[in-house]
N, C-alpha and C. Protein backbone atom coordinates (compact mmCIF):
# COMPACT_ATOMS: atom_id res chain seq x y z
N UNK A 1 -14.45 -17.54 48.21
CA UNK A 1 -15.61 -18.07 47.27
C UNK A 1 -16.01 -17.05 46.01
N UNK A 2 -15.92 -17.54 44.85
CA UNK A 2 -16.47 -16.64 43.90
C UNK A 2 -17.96 -16.50 44.26
N UNK A 3 -18.42 -15.15 43.58
CA UNK A 3 -19.95 -14.98 43.54
C UNK A 3 -20.89 -16.16 42.95
N UNK A 4 -20.25 -16.04 41.66
CA UNK A 4 -20.96 -17.27 40.65
C UNK A 4 -21.42 -18.58 41.54
N UNK A 5 -20.20 -19.36 42.37
CA UNK A 5 -20.18 -20.26 43.22
C UNK A 5 -21.06 -20.19 44.28
N UNK A 6 -21.14 -19.21 44.70
CA UNK A 6 -22.21 -18.72 45.87
C UNK A 6 -23.52 -18.65 45.47
N UNK A 7 -23.62 -18.07 44.41
CA UNK A 7 -25.02 -18.23 43.76
C UNK A 7 -25.90 -19.58 43.55
N UNK A 8 -24.57 -20.28 42.92
CA UNK A 8 -25.09 -21.54 42.58
C UNK A 8 -25.46 -22.47 43.78
N UNK A 9 -24.46 -22.36 44.79
CA UNK A 9 -24.90 -23.05 46.01
C UNK A 9 -26.37 -22.66 46.79
N UNK A 10 -26.17 -21.14 46.59
CA UNK A 10 -27.49 -21.17 47.03
C UNK A 10 -28.62 -21.56 46.32
N UNK A 11 -29.00 -21.69 45.08
CA UNK A 11 -30.23 -21.85 44.10
C UNK A 11 -29.97 -23.59 44.53
N UNK A 12 -28.82 -24.16 44.71
CA UNK A 12 -29.01 -25.76 45.03
C UNK A 12 -29.35 -26.09 46.05
N UNK A 13 -29.18 -25.13 47.16
CA UNK A 13 -30.16 -25.23 48.50
C UNK A 13 -31.17 -25.16 48.43
N UNK A 14 -31.84 -23.98 47.85
CA UNK A 14 -33.43 -23.92 47.46
C UNK A 14 -34.03 -24.83 46.76
N UNK A 15 -33.28 -25.50 45.62
CA UNK A 15 -33.99 -26.72 45.17
C UNK A 15 -34.16 -27.74 45.97
N UNK A 16 -33.11 -28.30 46.83
CA UNK A 16 -33.03 -29.29 47.81
C UNK A 16 -34.14 -29.13 48.91
N UNK A 17 -34.40 -27.74 49.33
CA UNK A 17 -35.59 -27.68 50.55
C UNK A 17 -36.72 -28.00 49.76
N UNK A 18 -36.73 -27.21 48.41
CA UNK A 18 -38.12 -27.48 47.59
C UNK A 18 -38.61 -28.47 47.52
N UNK A 19 -37.55 -29.62 47.14
CA UNK A 19 -38.04 -30.98 47.03
C UNK A 19 -38.16 -31.68 48.06
N UNK A 20 -37.49 -31.43 49.43
CA UNK A 20 -37.81 -32.16 50.79
C UNK A 20 -39.01 -31.35 51.20
N UNK A 21 -39.53 -30.27 50.95
CA UNK A 21 -40.78 -29.93 51.66
C UNK A 21 -41.86 -30.87 51.67
N UNK A 22 -42.41 -31.34 50.39
CA UNK A 22 -43.59 -32.72 50.28
C UNK A 22 -43.36 -33.64 51.49
N UNK A 23 -42.30 -34.05 51.52
CA UNK A 23 -41.96 -35.11 52.72
C UNK A 23 -42.27 -34.93 54.28
N UNK A 24 -41.36 -33.43 54.18
CA UNK A 24 -42.02 -32.66 55.52
C UNK A 24 -43.27 -32.62 55.83
N UNK A 25 -44.14 -32.16 54.78
CA UNK A 25 -45.16 -31.95 55.03
C UNK A 25 -46.10 -32.79 54.81
N UNK A 26 -46.15 -33.96 54.94
CA UNK A 26 -46.64 -35.23 54.47
C UNK A 26 -47.46 -35.45 52.96
N UNK A 27 -47.32 -34.36 52.03
CA UNK A 27 -48.17 -34.31 51.32
C UNK A 27 -47.32 -34.04 49.72
N UNK A 28 -47.97 -34.63 48.58
CA UNK A 28 -47.26 -34.66 47.31
C UNK A 28 -47.33 -33.18 46.36
N UNK A 29 -48.09 -32.49 47.09
CA UNK A 29 -48.36 -31.19 46.50
C UNK A 29 -47.31 -30.06 46.72
N UNK A 30 -46.61 -29.83 45.79
CA UNK A 30 -45.97 -28.60 45.77
C UNK A 30 -45.98 -27.91 44.30
N UNK A 31 -46.03 -26.58 44.49
CA UNK A 31 -46.11 -25.70 43.61
C UNK A 31 -45.21 -24.53 43.39
N UNK A 32 -44.25 -24.48 42.07
CA UNK A 32 -43.26 -23.66 42.66
C UNK A 32 -43.73 -22.57 41.19
N UNK A 33 -43.52 -21.07 42.05
CA UNK A 33 -43.63 -20.13 41.12
C UNK A 33 -42.32 -19.21 40.79
N UNK A 34 -41.98 -19.05 39.95
CA UNK A 34 -40.69 -17.87 39.72
C UNK A 34 -41.42 -16.53 39.53
N UNK A 35 -41.51 -15.75 40.64
CA UNK A 35 -41.96 -14.47 40.66
C UNK A 35 -41.25 -13.66 39.78
N UNK A 36 -40.03 -13.52 39.59
CA UNK A 36 -38.80 -12.96 39.15
C UNK A 36 -39.52 -12.75 37.55
N UNK A 37 -40.03 -13.76 36.94
CA UNK A 37 -39.99 -14.21 35.62
C UNK A 37 -41.47 -13.48 34.95
N UNK A 38 -42.10 -12.94 36.13
CA UNK A 38 -43.69 -12.71 35.64
C UNK A 38 -43.78 -11.32 36.10
N UNK A 39 -45.02 -10.71 35.00
CA UNK A 39 -45.02 -9.26 35.15
C UNK A 39 -46.12 -9.22 36.36
N UNK A 40 -46.52 -7.98 36.50
CA UNK A 40 -47.25 -7.56 37.60
C UNK A 40 -48.63 -8.40 37.63
N UNK A 41 -49.16 -7.86 36.60
CA UNK A 41 -50.63 -8.48 36.24
C UNK A 41 -50.88 -9.87 36.26
N UNK A 42 -49.67 -10.65 35.63
CA UNK A 42 -49.41 -11.68 35.56
C UNK A 42 -49.46 -12.86 36.87
N UNK A 43 -48.47 -11.85 37.70
CA UNK A 43 -48.17 -12.44 38.70
C UNK A 43 -49.51 -12.63 39.96
N UNK A 44 -49.97 -11.31 39.53
CA UNK A 44 -51.40 -11.32 40.25
C UNK A 44 -52.43 -12.42 39.87
N UNK A 45 -52.32 -12.30 38.52
CA UNK A 45 -53.31 -13.50 38.05
C UNK A 45 -53.31 -14.79 38.44
N UNK A 46 -52.18 -15.30 38.61
CA UNK A 46 -51.36 -16.68 38.87
C UNK A 46 -51.76 -16.94 40.42
N UNK A 47 -51.18 -15.64 41.24
CA UNK A 47 -51.29 -15.85 42.75
C UNK A 47 -52.58 -16.16 42.89
N UNK A 48 -53.66 -15.11 42.79
CA UNK A 48 -54.92 -14.87 43.21
C UNK A 48 -56.03 -15.18 42.30
N UNK A 49 -56.04 -15.77 40.86
CA UNK A 49 -56.93 -16.21 40.03
C UNK A 49 -57.81 -15.19 39.65
N UNK A 50 -58.85 -15.49 39.14
CA UNK A 50 -59.84 -14.69 38.25
C UNK A 50 -61.27 -15.33 38.23
N UNK A 51 -62.19 -14.72 37.98
CA UNK A 51 -63.64 -15.07 37.95
C UNK A 51 -63.81 -14.84 36.51
N UNK A 52 -64.70 -15.55 35.88
CA UNK A 52 -65.41 -15.21 34.55
C UNK A 52 -66.18 -13.82 34.58
N UNK A 53 -65.45 -13.34 33.53
CA UNK A 53 -66.06 -11.88 33.10
C UNK A 53 -65.30 -10.86 33.79
N UNK A 54 -64.14 -11.04 34.56
CA UNK A 54 -63.34 -10.14 35.35
C UNK A 54 -62.55 -9.42 34.31
N UNK A 55 -62.38 -9.82 33.05
CA UNK A 55 -61.66 -9.10 32.01
C UNK A 55 -61.79 -9.66 30.62
N UNK A 56 -61.64 -9.21 29.50
CA UNK A 56 -62.10 -9.40 28.24
C UNK A 56 -61.67 -10.97 28.25
N UNK A 57 -60.57 -11.32 28.05
CA UNK A 57 -60.11 -13.11 28.16
C UNK A 57 -60.64 -14.09 29.14
N UNK A 58 -61.39 -13.56 30.10
CA UNK A 58 -61.70 -14.43 31.14
C UNK A 58 -62.76 -14.94 30.78
N UNK A 59 -62.69 -15.98 30.46
CA UNK A 59 -63.86 -16.82 29.80
C UNK A 59 -64.33 -17.97 30.76
N UNK A 60 -63.86 -18.45 31.73
CA UNK A 60 -63.97 -19.27 32.60
C UNK A 60 -63.49 -18.84 34.12
N UNK A 61 -63.61 -19.45 35.22
CA UNK A 61 -62.99 -19.17 36.46
C UNK A 61 -61.79 -19.99 36.61
N UNK A 62 -60.46 -19.41 37.30
CA UNK A 62 -59.57 -19.85 37.24
C UNK A 62 -59.10 -19.57 38.74
N UNK A 63 -58.72 -20.99 39.14
CA UNK A 63 -58.55 -20.96 40.59
C UNK A 63 -57.19 -20.46 40.89
N UNK A 64 -56.89 -20.06 42.29
CA UNK A 64 -55.65 -19.37 42.60
C UNK A 64 -54.46 -20.58 42.80
N UNK A 65 -53.51 -20.25 43.04
CA UNK A 65 -52.39 -20.90 43.02
C UNK A 65 -52.44 -21.65 44.51
N UNK A 66 -52.97 -20.85 45.53
CA UNK A 66 -53.27 -21.03 47.01
C UNK A 66 -54.25 -22.52 47.15
N UNK A 67 -55.23 -22.07 46.73
CA UNK A 67 -56.17 -22.85 46.27
C UNK A 67 -55.80 -24.75 45.86
N UNK A 68 -55.17 -24.29 44.55
CA UNK A 68 -54.58 -25.66 43.81
C UNK A 68 -53.49 -26.34 45.04
N UNK A 69 -52.97 -25.69 45.87
CA UNK A 69 -51.93 -26.19 46.81
C UNK A 69 -52.41 -26.46 47.92
N UNK A 70 -53.77 -26.91 48.36
CA UNK A 70 -54.81 -26.99 49.42
C UNK A 70 -53.90 -28.19 50.07
N UNK A 71 -53.57 -27.80 51.18
CA UNK A 71 -52.62 -28.83 52.32
C UNK A 71 -51.46 -29.21 51.72
N UNK A 72 -51.14 -28.50 50.81
CA UNK A 72 -49.50 -28.30 50.17
C UNK A 72 -48.89 -27.04 50.54
N UNK A 73 -48.01 -27.39 49.64
CA UNK A 73 -46.91 -26.00 49.74
C UNK A 73 -46.64 -25.12 48.57
N UNK A 74 -46.49 -23.89 48.33
CA UNK A 74 -46.03 -23.16 47.59
C UNK A 74 -45.04 -22.47 47.76
N UNK A 75 -43.88 -22.46 46.72
CA UNK A 75 -42.63 -22.11 46.70
C UNK A 75 -42.45 -20.89 45.76
N UNK A 76 -42.50 -19.56 46.58
CA UNK A 76 -42.33 -18.76 45.96
C UNK A 76 -40.85 -18.00 45.66
N UNK A 77 -40.28 -18.24 44.20
CA UNK A 77 -39.16 -18.18 44.17
C UNK A 77 -39.07 -17.01 43.68
N UNK A 78 -37.82 -16.11 44.10
CA UNK A 78 -37.35 -14.70 43.25
C UNK A 78 -38.35 -14.20 43.87
N UNK A 79 -39.03 -13.70 44.96
CA UNK A 79 -40.19 -13.15 44.97
C UNK A 79 -39.84 -11.65 45.50
N UNK A 80 -38.39 -11.55 45.67
CA UNK A 80 -37.90 -9.96 46.23
C UNK A 80 -37.46 -9.30 44.65
N UNK A 81 -37.37 -10.07 43.13
CA UNK A 81 -37.21 -9.66 42.31
C UNK A 81 -38.59 -9.42 41.63
N UNK A 82 -39.67 -9.68 42.00
CA UNK A 82 -41.13 -9.34 41.15
C UNK A 82 -41.30 -7.94 40.67
N UNK A 83 -41.64 -8.04 39.37
CA UNK A 83 -41.60 -6.71 38.77
C UNK A 83 -42.75 -5.81 39.80
């Protein structure tokens, strides 16, 4: 098999697993985060949120991704390639 085909098959499997998770967990909440596309600061902010006044543009509290997916699933795609 070619490397391109193998990569496409791996991505297809991940996508179908991600879509099947809500049915397995009996919940409709599923949040996908492409970690490889985010910088360190943005990834940290997205995963862990922030409170009002934590930095210059933090005008309000922002819940982290794990709070948003309460009793659901968080799919961290490409977490090994995060910056």
